[in-house]
């Protein structure tokens, strides 16, 4: 969320760091969860999310003021 990234960039003590979480990965997690809950399919394994640690030093690299989220 751009507001949280901006708070990190501004040095807000309540938001000293954040992590990226690509929306495409959220869709995959929801789909796998739904399959596991609504079918007899076995859903197992692990899913590694390629998140990046966002700190005050690099926050502006991830801040996009025109973003809808």
Protein backbone atom coordinates (compact mmCIF):
# COMPACT_ATOMS: atom_id res chain seq x y z
CA UNK A 1 0.00 0.00 0.00
CA UNK A 2 1.56 3.26 -1.11
CA UNK A 3 0.66 5.05 2.12
CA UNK A 4 2.62 2.52 4.17
CA UNK A 5 5.62 2.72 1.84
CA UNK A 6 5.53 6.53 2.15
CA UNK A 7 5.43 6.26 5.95
CA UNK A 8 8.50 4.02 5.84
CA UNK A 9 10.26 6.48 3.52
CA UNK A 10 9.40 9.34 5.87
CA UNK A 11 10.95 7.53 8.85
CA UNK A 12 7.68 6.88 10.72
CA UNK A 13 8.68 5.00 13.89
CA UNK A 14 5.46 2.96 13.69
CA UNK A 15 6.42 1.76 10.18
CA UNK A 16 10.23 1.30 10.23
CA UNK A 17 10.12 -1.40 7.54
CA UNK A 18 7.75 -3.16 5.18
CA UNK A 19 7.88 -5.97 2.62
CA UNK A 20 6.68 -6.20 -0.94
CA UNK A 21 3.95 -8.68 -1.76
CA UNK A 22 3.12 -8.89 -5.48
CA UNK A 23 -0.65 -9.03 -6.13
CA UNK A 24 -0.17 -11.92 -8.57
CA UNK A 25 1.00 -14.08 -5.66
CA UNK A 26 -2.13 -13.25 -3.67
CA UNK A 27 -4.26 -14.62 -6.51
CA UNK A 28 -2.26 -17.87 -6.58
CA UNK A 29 -2.60 -18.34 -2.82
CA UNK A 30 -6.37 -17.77 -2.97
CA UNK A 31 -6.75 -20.21 -5.86
CA UNK A 32 -4.78 -22.96 -4.11
CA UNK A 33 -6.72 -22.44 -0.90
CA UNK A 34 -10.06 -22.61 -2.74
CA UNK A 35 -9.05 -25.82 -4.55
CA UNK A 36 -8.03 -27.39 -1.26
CA UNK A 37 -11.30 -26.45 0.41
CA UNK A 38 -13.73 -27.26 -2.39
CA UNK A 39 -12.40 -30.44 -3.97
CA UNK A 40 -10.82 -33.76 -3.16
CA UNK A 41 -7.57 -32.61 -4.72
CA UNK A 42 -4.51 -32.83 -2.53
CA UNK A 43 -2.88 -29.46 -2.13
CA UNK A 44 0.48 -29.55 -0.41
CA UNK A 45 3.96 -28.18 -0.61
CA UNK A 46 5.39 -24.78 -0.05
CA UNK A 47 5.22 -21.51 -1.90
CA UNK A 48 8.14 -19.10 -1.58
CA UNK A 49 7.18 -15.46 -1.97
CA UNK A 50 9.88 -13.30 -3.51
CA UNK A 51 9.37 -10.40 -1.13
CA UNK A 52 11.83 -7.54 -0.74
CA UNK A 53 12.55 -5.82 2.56
CA UNK A 54 11.60 -2.15 2.26
CA UNK A 55 13.48 0.22 4.57
CA UNK A 56 13.80 3.97 4.79
CA UNK A 57 16.87 3.70 2.51
CA UNK A 58 15.08 2.01 -0.41
CA UNK A 59 11.40 2.90 0.18
CA UNK A 60 11.24 5.52 -2.56
CA UNK A 61 12.19 2.81 -5.08
CA UNK A 62 8.82 1.21 -4.27
CA UNK A 63 6.73 4.35 -3.82
CA UNK A 64 4.41 5.08 -6.75
CA UNK A 65 2.12 8.02 -5.85
CA UNK A 66 -0.22 7.38 -8.79
CA UNK A 67 -0.80 3.75 -7.82
CA UNK A 68 -4.41 2.87 -6.89
CA UNK A 69 -3.12 0.83 -3.94
